[in-house]
Amino acid sequence: MTEPILEVTGLTKEFPIGGGFGRRKETLVAVGDVSFSVLPGEVLGLVGESGSGKSATARCVMRLIEPTRGTVRFAGEDLLALRGPGCAGYGVACRWSSRTRTPHWTPG
């Protein structure tokens, strides 16, 4: 059986909000317990409503922002455990598309 090239398990990203003078500090859950895997040669598309956490998920996977918890493994290596120069060079790419750029194509 082929092993996944990318495996994301229990990915969560929370942002603190509020907490000003006299106010309770709250937490915004931008990504909640997301899990998926991608086999070599596969392509994954994240689809959802505006504000549903698609971009935050992609940014966590690419380590542009640090997830609150979860694991991200690429080629069997835990990306969240890497520090320093070992973080770069994995060739993970993110493409944001818009219907206005490709009006002749509809997902489905």
PDB file of N, CA and C in Angstrom:
ATOM      1  N   MET A   1       0.842  -1.189   0.000  1.00  0.00           N
ATOM      2  CA  MET A   1       0.000   0.000   0.000  1.00  0.00           C
ATOM      3  C   MET A   1       0.885   1.251   0.000  1.00  0.00           C
ATOM      4  N   THR A   2       0.514   2.235  -0.754  1.00  0.00           N
ATOM      5  CA  THR A   2       1.267   3.481  -0.852  1.00  0.00           C
ATOM      6  C   THR A   2       1.013   4.359   0.374  1.00  0.00           C
ATOM      7  N   GLU A   3       2.092   4.901   0.934  1.00  0.00           N
ATOM      8  CA  GLU A   3       1.994   5.795   2.086  1.00  0.00           C
ATOM      9  C   GLU A   3       1.642   7.209   1.622  1.00  0.00           C
ATOM     10  N   PRO A   4       0.878   7.952   2.405  1.00  0.00           N
ATOM     11  CA  PRO A   4       0.560   9.340   2.034  1.00  0.00           C
ATOM     12  C   PRO A   4       1.821  10.202   1.981  1.00  0.00           C
ATOM     13  N   ILE A   5       1.877  11.110   1.028  1.00  0.00           N
ATOM     14  CA  ILE A   5       2.975  12.075   0.951  1.00  0.00           C
ATOM     15  C   ILE A   5       2.734  13.215   1.950  1.00  0.00           C
ATOM     16  N   LEU A   6       1.458  13.513   2.181  1.00  0.00           N
ATOM     17  CA  LEU A   6       1.068  14.532   3.163  1.00  0.00           C
ATOM     18  C   LEU A   6      -0.025  13.956   4.047  1.00  0.00           C
ATOM     19  N   GLU A   7       0.177  14.048   5.356  1.00  0.00           N
ATOM     20  CA  GLU A   7      -0.821  13.549   6.294  1.00  0.00           C
ATOM     21  C   GLU A   7      -1.021  14.583   7.401  1.00  0.00           C
ATOM     22  N   VAL A   8      -2.236  15.074   7.499  1.00  0.00           N
ATOM     23  CA  VAL A   8      -2.597  16.082   8.493  1.00  0.00           C
ATOM     24  C   VAL A   8      -3.600  15.435   9.438  1.00  0.00           C
ATOM     25  N   THR A   9      -3.328  15.535  10.744  1.00  0.00           N
ATOM     26  CA  THR A   9      -4.183  14.889  11.736  1.00  0.00           C
ATOM     27  C   THR A   9      -4.506  15.850  12.874  1.00  0.00           C
ATOM     28  N   GLY A  10      -5.787  16.040  13.125  1.00  0.00           N
ATOM     29  CA  GLY A  10      -6.240  16.840  14.262  1.00  0.00           C
ATOM     30  C   GLY A  10      -5.769  18.287  14.253  1.00  0.00           C
ATOM     31  N   LEU A  11      -5.596  18.854  13.067  1.00  0.00           N
ATOM     32  CA  LEU A  11      -5.078  20.225  12.951  1.00  0.00           C
ATOM     33  C   LEU A  11      -6.091  21.235  13.492  1.00  0.00           C
ATOM     34  N   THR A  12      -5.637  22.055  14.419  1.00  0.00           N
ATOM     35  CA  THR A  12      -6.472  23.082  15.036  1.00  0.00           C
ATOM     36  C   THR A  12      -5.681  24.376  15.111  1.00  0.00           C
ATOM     37  N   LYS A  13      -6.328  25.494  14.774  1.00  0.00           N
ATOM     38  CA  LYS A  13      -5.712  26.808  14.928  1.00  0.00           C
ATOM     39  C   LYS A  13      -6.708  27.711  15.637  1.00  0.00           C
ATOM     40  N   GLU A  14      -6.275  28.228  16.792  1.00  0.00           N
ATOM     41  CA  GLU A  14      -7.108  29.135  17.584  1.00  0.00           C
ATOM     42  C   GLU A  14      -6.407  30.479  17.679  1.00  0.00           C
ATOM     43  N   PHE A  15      -7.197  31.545  17.608  1.00  0.00           N
ATOM     44  CA  PHE A  15      -6.678  32.901  17.757  1.00  0.00           C
ATOM     45  C   PHE A  15      -7.343  33.543  18.971  1.00  0.00           C
ATOM     46  N   PRO A  16      -6.553  34.169  19.848  1.00  0.00           N
ATOM     47  CA  PRO A  16      -7.153  34.886  20.971  1.00  0.00           C
ATOM     48  C   PRO A  16      -7.802  36.171  20.473  1.00  0.00           C
ATOM     49  N   ILE A  17      -8.980  36.475  20.966  1.00  0.00           N
ATOM     50  CA  ILE A  17      -9.655  37.725  20.607  1.00  0.00           C
ATOM     51  C   ILE A  17     -10.194  38.372  21.873  1.00  0.00           C
ATOM     52  N   GLY A  18     -10.411  39.650  21.798  1.00  0.00           N
ATOM     53  CA  GLY A  18     -10.965  40.370  22.943  1.00  0.00           C
ATOM     54  C   GLY A  18      -9.967  40.476  24.076  1.00  0.00           C
ATOM     55  N   GLY A  19     -10.474  40.558  25.271  1.00  0.00           N
ATOM     56  CA  GLY A  19      -9.627  40.613  26.440  1.00  0.00           C
ATOM     57  C   GLY A  19      -9.122  42.000  26.778  1.00  0.00           C
ATOM     58  N   GLY A  20      -9.771  43.018  26.216  1.00  0.00           N
ATOM     59  CA  GLY A  20      -9.392  44.386  26.555  1.00  0.00           C
ATOM     60  C   GLY A  20      -9.776  44.709  27.985  1.00  0.00           C
ATOM     61  N   PHE A  21      -9.594  45.922  28.375  1.00  0.00           N
ATOM     62  CA  PHE A  21      -9.857  46.359  29.741  1.00  0.00           C
ATOM     63  C   PHE A  21     -11.274  45.984  30.160  1.00  0.00           C
ATOM     64  N   GLY A  22     -11.357  45.138  31.168  1.00  0.00           N
ATOM     65  CA  GLY A  22     -12.656  44.758  31.724  1.00  0.00           C
ATOM     66  C   GLY A  22     -13.432  43.750  30.904  1.00  0.00           C
ATOM     67  N   ARG A  23     -12.852  43.229  29.825  1.00  0.00           N
ATOM     68  CA  ARG A  23     -13.555  42.257  28.985  1.00  0.00           C
ATOM     69  C   ARG A  23     -12.907  40.888  29.097  1.00  0.00           C
ATOM     70  N   ARG A  24     -13.731  39.869  28.926  1.00  0.00           N
ATOM     71  CA  ARG A  24     -13.239  38.491  28.941  1.00  0.00           C
ATOM     72  C   ARG A  24     -12.450  38.194  27.678  1.00  0.00           C
ATOM     73  N   LYS A  25     -11.352  37.480  27.832  1.00  0.00           N
ATOM     74  CA  LYS A  25     -10.590  37.028  26.677  1.00  0.00           C
ATOM     75  C   LYS A  25     -11.288  35.801  26.096  1.00  0.00           C
ATOM     76  N   GLU A  26     -11.474  35.796  24.798  1.00  0.00           N
ATOM     77  CA  GLU A  26     -12.142  34.687  24.134  1.00  0.00           C
ATOM     78  C   GLU A  26     -11.216  34.072  23.102  1.00  0.00           C
ATOM     79  N   THR A  27     -11.631  32.962  22.542  1.00  0.00           N
ATOM     80  CA  THR A  27     -10.839  32.267  21.539  1.00  0.00           C
ATOM     81  C   THR A  27     -11.679  32.038  20.288  1.00  0.00           C
ATOM     82  N   LEU A  28     -11.106  32.392  19.143  1.00  0.00           N
ATOM     83  CA  LEU A  28     -11.728  32.118  17.850  1.00  0.00           C
ATOM     84  C   LEU A  28     -11.088  30.853  17.293  1.00  0.00           C
ATOM     85  N   VAL A  29     -11.887  29.834  17.041  1.00  0.00           N
ATOM     86  CA  VAL A  29     -11.378  28.596  16.443  1.00  0.00           C
ATOM     87  C   VAL A  29     -11.484  28.751  14.930  1.00  0.00           C
ATOM     88  N   ALA A  30     -10.340  29.005  14.283  1.00  0.00           N
ATOM     89  CA  ALA A  30     -10.313  29.201  12.831  1.00  0.00           C
ATOM     90  C   ALA A  30     -10.286  27.868  12.090  1.00  0.00           C
ATOM     91  N   VAL A  31      -9.616  26.880  12.668  1.00  0.00           N
ATOM     92  CA  VAL A  31      -9.530  25.533  12.101  1.00  0.00           C
ATOM     93  C   VAL A  31      -9.769  24.577  13.258  1.00  0.00           C
ATOM     94  N   GLY A  32     -10.736  23.694  13.118  1.00  0.00           N
ATOM     95  CA  GLY A  32     -11.087  22.806  14.219  1.00  0.00           C
ATOM     96  C   GLY A  32     -10.964  21.338  13.879  1.00  0.00           C
ATOM     97  N   ASP A  33      -9.907  20.689  14.356  1.00  0.00           N
ATOM     98  CA  ASP A  33      -9.734  19.240  14.263  1.00  0.00           C
ATOM     99  C   ASP A  33      -9.844  18.716  12.822  1.00  0.00           C
ATOM    100  N   VAL A  34      -9.054  19.296  11.920  1.00  0.00           N
ATOM    101  CA  VAL A  34      -9.067  18.912  10.507  1.00  0.00           C
ATOM    102  C   VAL A  34      -8.058  17.791  10.277  1.00  0.00           C
ATOM    103  N   SER A  35      -8.478  16.759   9.564  1.00  0.00           N
ATOM    104  CA  SER A  35      -7.599  15.646   9.215  1.00  0.00           C
ATOM    105  C   SER A  35      -7.811  15.276   7.751  1.00  0.00           C
ATOM    106  N   PHE A  36      -6.710  15.013   7.047  1.00  0.00           N
ATOM    107  CA  PHE A  36      -6.776  14.528   5.672  1.00  0.00           C
ATOM    108  C   PHE A  36      -5.416  13.961   5.298  1.00  0.00           C
ATOM    109  N   SER A  37      -5.375  13.189   4.220  1.00  0.00           N
ATOM    110  CA  SER A  37      -4.110  12.686   3.705  1.00  0.00           C
ATOM    111  C   SER A  37      -4.139  12.777   2.182  1.00  0.00           C
ATOM    112  N   VAL A  38      -2.950  12.914   1.617  1.00  0.00           N
ATOM    113  CA  VAL A  38      -2.800  13.026   0.167  1.00  0.00           C
ATOM    114  C   VAL A  38      -1.760  12.007  -0.272  1.00  0.00           C
ATOM    115  N   LEU A  39      -2.144  11.133  -1.180  1.00  0.00           N
ATOM    116  CA  LEU A  39      -1.217  10.140  -1.719  1.00  0.00           C
ATOM    117  C   LEU A  39      -0.368  10.764  -2.823  1.00  0.00           C
ATOM    118  N   PRO A  40       0.797  10.194  -3.110  1.00  0.00           N
ATOM    119  CA  PRO A  40       1.612  10.725  -4.212  1.00  0.00           C
ATOM    120  C   PRO A  40       0.810  10.770  -5.512  1.00  0.00           C
ATOM    121  N   GLY A  41       0.887  11.884  -6.203  1.00  0.00           N
ATOM    122  CA  GLY A  41       0.164  12.063  -7.468  1.00  0.00           C
ATOM    123  C   GLY A  41      -1.235  12.616  -7.314  1.00  0.00           C
ATOM    124  N   GLU A  42      -1.762  12.652  -6.104  1.00  0.00           N
ATOM    125  CA  GLU A  42      -3.097  13.203  -5.870  1.00  0.00           C
ATOM    126  C   GLU A  42      -3.036  14.717  -5.715  1.00  0.00           C
ATOM    127  N   VAL A  43      -4.168  15.346  -5.929  1.00  0.00           N
ATOM    128  CA  VAL A  43      -4.326  16.781  -5.731  1.00  0.00           C
ATOM    129  C   VAL A  43      -5.482  16.971  -4.756  1.00  0.00           C
ATOM    130  N   LEU A  44      -5.300  17.881  -3.804  1.00  0.00           N
ATOM    131  CA  LEU A  44      -6.341  18.146  -2.826  1.00  0.00           C
ATOM    132  C   LEU A  44      -6.847  19.566  -2.994  1.00  0.00           C
ATOM    133  N   GLY A  45      -8.138  19.738  -2.992  1.00  0.00           N
ATOM    134  CA  GLY A  45      -8.746  21.064  -3.017  1.00  0.00           C
ATOM    135  C   GLY A  45      -9.584  21.261  -1.771  1.00  0.00           C
ATOM    136  N   LEU A  46      -9.387  22.387  -1.101  1.00  0.00           N
ATOM    137  CA  LEU A  46     -10.215  22.728   0.059  1.00  0.00           C
ATOM    138  C   LEU A  46     -11.314  23.661  -0.421  1.00  0.00           C
ATOM    139  N   VAL A  47     -12.537  23.269  -0.195  1.00  0.00           N
ATOM    140  CA  VAL A  47     -13.686  24.031  -0.668  1.00  0.00           C
ATOM    141  C   VAL A  47     -14.576  24.345   0.525  1.00  0.00           C
ATOM    142  N   GLY A  48     -15.029  25.588   0.607  1.00  0.00           N
ATOM    143  CA  GLY A  48     -15.925  25.956   1.693  1.00  0.00           C
ATOM    144  C   GLY A  48     -16.323  27.406   1.592  1.00  0.00           C
ATOM    145  N   GLU A  49     -17.225  27.794   2.450  1.00  0.00           N
ATOM    146  CA  GLU A  49     -17.704  29.164   2.463  1.00  0.00           C
ATOM    147  C   GLU A  49     -16.604  30.112   2.912  1.00  0.00           C
ATOM    148  N   SER A  50     -16.801  31.379   2.625  1.00  0.00           N
ATOM    149  CA  SER A  50     -15.881  32.406   3.079  1.00  0.00           C
ATOM    150  C   SER A  50     -15.800  32.377   4.602  1.00  0.00           C
ATOM    151  N   GLY A  51     -14.584  32.377   5.125  1.00  0.00           N
ATOM    152  CA  GLY A  51     -14.406  32.362   6.578  1.00  0.00           C
ATOM    153  C   GLY A  51     -14.454  30.987   7.205  1.00  0.00           C
ATOM    154  N   SER A  52     -14.458  29.931   6.387  1.00  0.00           N
ATOM    155  CA  SER A  52     -14.584  28.576   6.946  1.00  0.00           C
ATOM    156  C   SER A  52     -13.251  27.957   7.361  1.00  0.00           C
ATOM    157  N   GLY A  53     -12.127  28.647   7.107  1.00  0.00           N
ATOM    158  CA  GLY A  53     -10.835  28.158   7.563  1.00  0.00           C
ATOM    159  C   GLY A  53      -9.950  27.533   6.497  1.00  0.00           C
ATOM    160  N   LYS A  54     -10.321  27.677   5.228  1.00  0.00           N
ATOM    161  CA  LYS A  54      -9.513  27.088   4.154  1.00  0.00           C
ATOM    162  C   LYS A  54      -8.105  27.667   4.129  1.00  0.00           C
ATOM    163  N   SER A  55      -7.990  28.974   4.115  1.00  0.00           N
ATOM    164  CA  SER A  55      -6.680  29.625   4.057  1.00  0.00           C
ATOM    165  C   SER A  55      -5.882  29.377   5.332  1.00  0.00           C
ATOM    166  N   ALA A  56      -6.533  29.409   6.469  1.00  0.00           N
ATOM    167  CA  ALA A  56      -5.835  29.149   7.734  1.00  0.00           C
ATOM    168  C   ALA A  56      -5.303  27.718   7.756  1.00  0.00           C
ATOM    169  N   THR A  57      -6.057  26.772   7.223  1.00  0.00           N
ATOM    170  CA  THR A  57      -5.593  25.387   7.135  1.00  0.00           C
ATOM    171  C   THR A  57      -4.347  25.307   6.261  1.00  0.00           C
ATOM    172  N   ALA A  58      -4.401  25.915   5.076  1.00  0.00           N
ATOM    173  CA  ALA A  58      -3.249  25.892   4.165  1.00  0.00           C
ATOM    174  C   ALA A  58      -2.039  26.564   4.803  1.00  0.00           C
ATOM    175  N   ARG A  59      -2.246  27.673   5.471  1.00  0.00           N
ATOM    176  CA  ARG A  59      -1.133  28.378   6.113  1.00  0.00           C
ATOM    177  C   ARG A  59      -0.522  27.562   7.246  1.00  0.00           C
ATOM    178  N   CYS A  60      -1.333  26.828   7.980  1.00  0.00           N
ATOM    179  CA  CYS A  60      -0.801  25.950   9.031  1.00  0.00           C
ATOM    180  C   CYS A  60       0.013  24.806   8.432  1.00  0.00           C
ATOM    181  N   VAL A  61      -0.495  24.210   7.364  1.00  0.00           N
ATOM    182  CA  VAL A  61       0.212  23.103   6.711  1.00  0.00           C
ATOM    183  C   VAL A  61       1.572  23.582   6.202  1.00  0.00           C
ATOM    184  N   MET A  62       1.617  24.787   5.647  1.00  0.00           N
ATOM    185  CA  MET A  62       2.874  25.326   5.108  1.00  0.00           C
ATOM    186  C   MET A  62       3.729  26.008   6.168  1.00  0.00           C
ATOM    187  N   ARG A  63       3.224  26.050   7.407  1.00  0.00           N
ATOM    188  CA  ARG A  63       3.897  26.677   8.547  1.00  0.00           C
ATOM    189  C   ARG A  63       4.103  28.170   8.381  1.00  0.00           C
ATOM    190  N   LEU A  64       3.204  28.802   7.661  1.00  0.00           N
ATOM    191  CA  LEU A  64       3.209  30.260   7.613  1.00  0.00           C
ATOM    192  C   LEU A  64       2.646  30.810   8.912  1.00  0.00           C
ATOM    193  N   ILE A  65       1.762  30.035   9.525  1.00  0.00           N
ATOM    194  CA  ILE A  65       1.310  30.285  10.894  1.00  0.00           C
ATOM    195  C   ILE A  65       1.412  28.954  11.638  1.00  0.00           C
ATOM    196  N   GLU A  66       1.651  29.028  12.936  1.00  0.00           N
ATOM    197  CA  GLU A  66       1.793  27.805  13.724  1.00  0.00           C
ATOM    198  C   GLU A  66       0.421  27.329  14.204  1.00  0.00           C
ATOM    199  N   PRO A  67       0.113  26.054  14.002  1.00  0.00           N
ATOM    200  CA  PRO A  67      -1.149  25.533  14.523  1.00  0.00           C
ATOM    201  C   PRO A  67      -1.134  25.455  16.043  1.00  0.00           C
ATOM    202  N   THR A  68      -2.303  25.490  16.638  1.00  0.00           N
ATOM    203  CA  THR A  68      -2.434  25.346  18.082  1.00  0.00           C
ATOM    204  C   THR A  68      -2.133  23.904  18.487  1.00  0.00           C
ATOM    205  N   ARG A  69      -2.624  22.956  17.702  1.00  0.00           N
ATOM    206  CA  ARG A  69      -2.317  21.542  17.945  1.00  0.00           C
ATOM    207  C   ARG A  69      -2.566  20.751  16.665  1.00  0.00           C
ATOM    208  N   GLY A  70      -2.128  19.507  16.688  1.00  0.00           N
ATOM    209  CA  GLY A  70      -2.257  18.622  15.541  1.00  0.00           C
ATOM    210  C   GLY A  70      -0.896  18.240  14.991  1.00  0.00           C
ATOM    211  N   THR A  71      -0.907  17.397  13.965  1.00  0.00           N
ATOM    212  CA  THR A  71       0.332  16.979  13.321  1.00  0.00           C
ATOM    213  C   THR A  71       0.242  17.188  11.820  1.00  0.00           C
ATOM    214  N   VAL A  72       1.388  17.519  11.232  1.00  0.00           N
ATOM    215  CA  VAL A  72       1.523  17.647   9.786  1.00  0.00           C
ATOM    216  C   VAL A  72       2.768  16.861   9.403  1.00  0.00           C
ATOM    217  N   ARG A  73       2.566  15.783   8.657  1.00  0.00           N
ATOM    218  CA  ARG A  73       3.686  14.957   8.222  1.00  0.00           C
ATOM    219  C   ARG A  73       3.804  15.041   6.708  1.00  0.00           C
ATOM    220  N   PHE A  74       5.018  15.323   6.238  1.00  0.00           N
ATOM    221  CA  PHE A  74       5.301  15.365   4.797  1.00  0.00           C
ATOM    222  C   PHE A  74       6.414  14.364   4.530  1.00  0.00           C
ATOM    223  N   ALA A  75       6.139  13.404   3.647  1.00  0.00           N
ATOM    224  CA  ALA A  75       7.103  12.340   3.330  1.00  0.00           C
ATOM    225  C   ALA A  75       7.569  11.644   4.610  1.00  0.00           C
ATOM    226  N   GLY A  76       6.640  11.467   5.558  1.00  0.00           N
ATOM    227  CA  GLY A  76       6.937  10.765   6.788  1.00  0.00           C
ATOM    228  C   GLY A  76       7.590  11.595   7.877  1.00  0.00           C
ATOM    229  N   GLU A  77       7.928  12.840   7.594  1.00  0.00           N
ATOM    230  CA  GLU A  77       8.610  13.686   8.572  1.00  0.00           C
ATOM    231  C   GLU A  77       7.635  14.680   9.194  1.00  0.00           C
ATOM    232  N   ASP A  78       7.708  14.822  10.508  1.00  0.00           N
ATOM    233  CA  ASP A  78       6.840  15.732  11.240  1.00  0.00           C
ATOM    234  C   ASP A  78       7.303  17.168  11.006  1.00  0.00           C
ATOM    235  N   LEU A  79       6.564  17.914  10.187  1.00  0.00           N
ATOM    236  CA  LEU A  79       6.957  19.289   9.853  1.00  0.00           C
ATOM    237  C   LEU A  79       6.894  20.224  11.046  1.00  0.00           C
ATOM    238  N   LEU A  80       6.004  19.942  11.989  1.00  0.00           N
ATOM    239  CA  LEU A  80       5.859  20.836  13.133  1.00  0.00           C
ATOM    240  C   LEU A  80       7.001  20.678  14.135  1.00  0.00           C
ATOM    241  N   ALA A  81       7.757  19.591  14.020  1.00  0.00           N
ATOM    242  CA  ALA A  81       8.900  19.382  14.910  1.00  0.00           C
ATOM    243  C   ALA A  81      10.169  20.022  14.357  1.00  0.00           C
ATOM    244  N   LEU A  82      10.166  20.391  13.073  1.00  0.00           N
ATOM    245  CA  LEU A  82      11.359  20.978  12.454  1.00  0.00           C
ATOM    246  C   LEU A  82      11.576  22.399  12.928  1.00  0.00           C
ATOM    247  N   ARG A  83      12.818  22.750  13.112  1.00  0.00           N
ATOM    248  CA  ARG A  83      13.200  24.108  13.487  1.00  0.00           C
ATOM    249  C   ARG A  83      14.380  24.532  12.621  1.00  0.00           C
ATOM    250  N   GLY A  84      14.491  25.814  12.374  1.00  0.00           N
ATOM    251  CA  GLY A  84      15.645  26.353  11.653  1.00  0.00           C
ATOM    252  C   GLY A  84      15.647  25.990  10.181  1.00  0.00           C
ATOM    253  N   PRO A  85      16.853  25.771   9.596  1.00  0.00           N
ATOM    254  CA  PRO A  85      16.976  25.555   8.151  1.00  0.00           C
ATOM    255  C   PRO A  85      16.229  24.334   7.635  1.00  0.00           C
ATOM    256  N   GLY A  86      15.952  23.356   8.491  1.00  0.00           N
ATOM    257  CA  GLY A  86      15.239  22.164   8.057  1.00  0.00           C
ATOM    258  C   GLY A  86      13.813  22.424   7.644  1.00  0.00           C
ATOM    259  N   CYS A  87      13.289  23.587   7.959  1.00  0.00           N
ATOM    260  CA  CYS A  87      11.900  23.911   7.633  1.00  0.00           C
ATOM    261  C   CYS A  87      11.710  24.198   6.150  1.00  0.00           C
ATOM    262  N   ALA A  88      12.728  24.655   5.481  1.00  0.00           N
ATOM    263  CA  ALA A  88      12.586  25.121   4.089  1.00  0.00           C
ATOM    264  C   ALA A  88      12.860  23.988   3.104  1.00  0.00           C
ATOM    265  N   GLY A  89      12.377  24.188   1.898  1.00  0.00           N
ATOM    266  CA  GLY A  89      12.770  23.321   0.802  1.00  0.00           C
ATOM    267  C   GLY A  89      11.882  22.126   0.545  1.00  0.00           C
ATOM    268  N   TYR A  90      10.687  22.091   1.105  1.00  0.00           N
ATOM    269  CA  TYR A  90       9.824  20.943   0.876  1.00  0.00           C
ATOM    270  C   TYR A  90       8.996  21.053  -0.396  1.00  0.00           C
ATOM    271  N   GLY A  91       8.926  22.226  -0.993  1.00  0.00           N
ATOM    272  CA  GLY A  91       8.208  22.363  -2.248  1.00  0.00           C
ATOM    273  C   GLY A  91       6.704  22.287  -2.128  1.00  0.00           C
ATOM    274  N   VAL A  92       6.149  22.636  -0.986  1.00  0.00           N
ATOM    275  CA  VAL A  92       4.699  22.661  -0.827  1.00  0.00           C
ATOM    276  C   VAL A  92       4.204  23.975  -1.404  1.00  0.00           C
ATOM    277  N   ALA A  93       3.205  23.904  -2.239  1.00  0.00           N
ATOM    278  CA  ALA A  93       2.687  25.112  -2.879  1.00  0.00           C
ATOM    279  C   ALA A  93       1.206  25.253  -2.579  1.00  0.00           C
ATOM    280  N   CYS A  94       0.771  26.467  -2.501  1.00  0.00           N
ATOM    281  CA  CYS A  94      -0.631  26.753  -2.282  1.00  0.00           C
ATOM    282  C   CYS A  94      -1.116  27.645  -3.413  1.00  0.00           C
ATOM    283  N   ARG A  95      -2.228  27.293  -4.012  1.00  0.00           N
ATOM    284  CA  ARG A  95      -2.795  28.085  -5.107  1.00  0.00           C
ATOM    285  C   ARG A  95      -4.191  28.517  -4.717  1.00  0.00           C
ATOM    286  N   TRP A  96      -4.398  29.822  -4.693  1.00  0.00           N
ATOM    287  CA  TRP A  96      -5.745  30.339  -4.462  1.00  0.00           C
ATOM    288  C   TRP A  96      -6.344  30.613  -5.824  1.00  0.00           C
ATOM    289  N   SER A  97      -7.510  30.069  -6.060  1.00  0.00           N
ATOM    290  CA  SER A  97      -8.160  30.310  -7.343  1.00  0.00           C
ATOM    291  C   SER A  97      -9.458  31.057  -7.107  1.00  0.00           C
ATOM    292  N   SER A  98      -9.924  31.655  -8.163  1.00  0.00           N
ATOM    293  CA  SER A  98     -11.145  32.420  -8.070  1.00  0.00           C
ATOM    294  C   SER A  98     -11.960  32.200  -9.332  1.00  0.00           C
ATOM    295  N   ARG A  99     -13.219  32.147  -9.176  1.00  0.00           N
ATOM    296  CA  ARG A  99     -14.086  31.948 -10.337  1.00  0.00           C
ATOM    297  C   ARG A  99     -13.929  33.086 -11.343  1.00  0.00           C
ATOM    298  N   THR A 100     -13.570  34.273 -10.876  1.00  0.00           N
ATOM    299  CA  THR A 100     -13.414  35.394 -11.803  1.00  0.00           C
ATOM    300  C   THR A 100     -12.225  35.185 -12.730  1.00  0.00           C
ATOM    301  N   ARG A 101     -11.244  34.392 -12.301  1.00  0.00           N
ATOM    302  CA  ARG A 101     -10.089  34.126 -13.160  1.00  0.00           C
ATOM    303  C   ARG A 101     -10.375  33.019 -14.155  1.00  0.00           C
ATOM    304  N   THR A 102     -11.285  32.111 -13.803  1.00  0.00           N
ATOM    305  CA  THR A 102     -11.615  31.008 -14.697  1.00  0.00           C
ATOM    306  C   THR A 102     -13.123  30.856 -14.800  1.00  0.00           C
ATOM    307  N   PRO A 103     -13.791  31.809 -15.450  1.00  0.00           N
ATOM    308  CA  PRO A 103     -15.259  31.793 -15.476  1.00  0.00           C
ATOM    309  C   PRO A 103     -15.844  30.608 -16.232  1.00  0.00           C
ATOM    310  N   HIS A 104     -15.069  29.951 -17.097  1.00  0.00           N
ATOM    311  CA  HIS A 104     -15.574  28.836 -17.879  1.00  0.00           C
ATOM    312  C   HIS A 104     -15.540  27.524 -17.119  1.00  0.00           C
ATOM    313  N   TRP A 105     -14.901  27.507 -15.939  1.00  0.00           N
ATOM    314  CA  TRP A 105     -14.740  26.271 -15.173  1.00  0.00           C
ATOM    315  C   TRP A 105     -15.512  26.351 -13.877  1.00  0.00           C
ATOM    316  N   THR A 106     -16.276  25.322 -13.575  1.00  0.00           N
ATOM    317  CA  THR A 106     -16.964  25.272 -12.290  1.00  0.00           C
ATOM    318  C   THR A 106     -16.590  23.966 -11.593  1.00  0.00           C
ATOM    319  N   PRO A 107     -16.294  24.039 -10.306  1.00  0.00           N
ATOM    320  CA  PRO A 107     -15.954  22.816  -9.574  1.00  0.00           C
ATOM    321  C   PRO A 107     -17.128  21.858  -9.563  1.00  0.00           C
ATOM    322  N   GLY A 108     -16.841  20.592  -9.502  1.00  0.00           N
ATOM    323  CA  GLY A 108     -17.920  19.638  -9.385  1.00  0.00           C
ATOM    324  C   GLY A 108     -17.621  18.308  -9.814  1.00  0.00           C
TER     325      GLY A 108
END
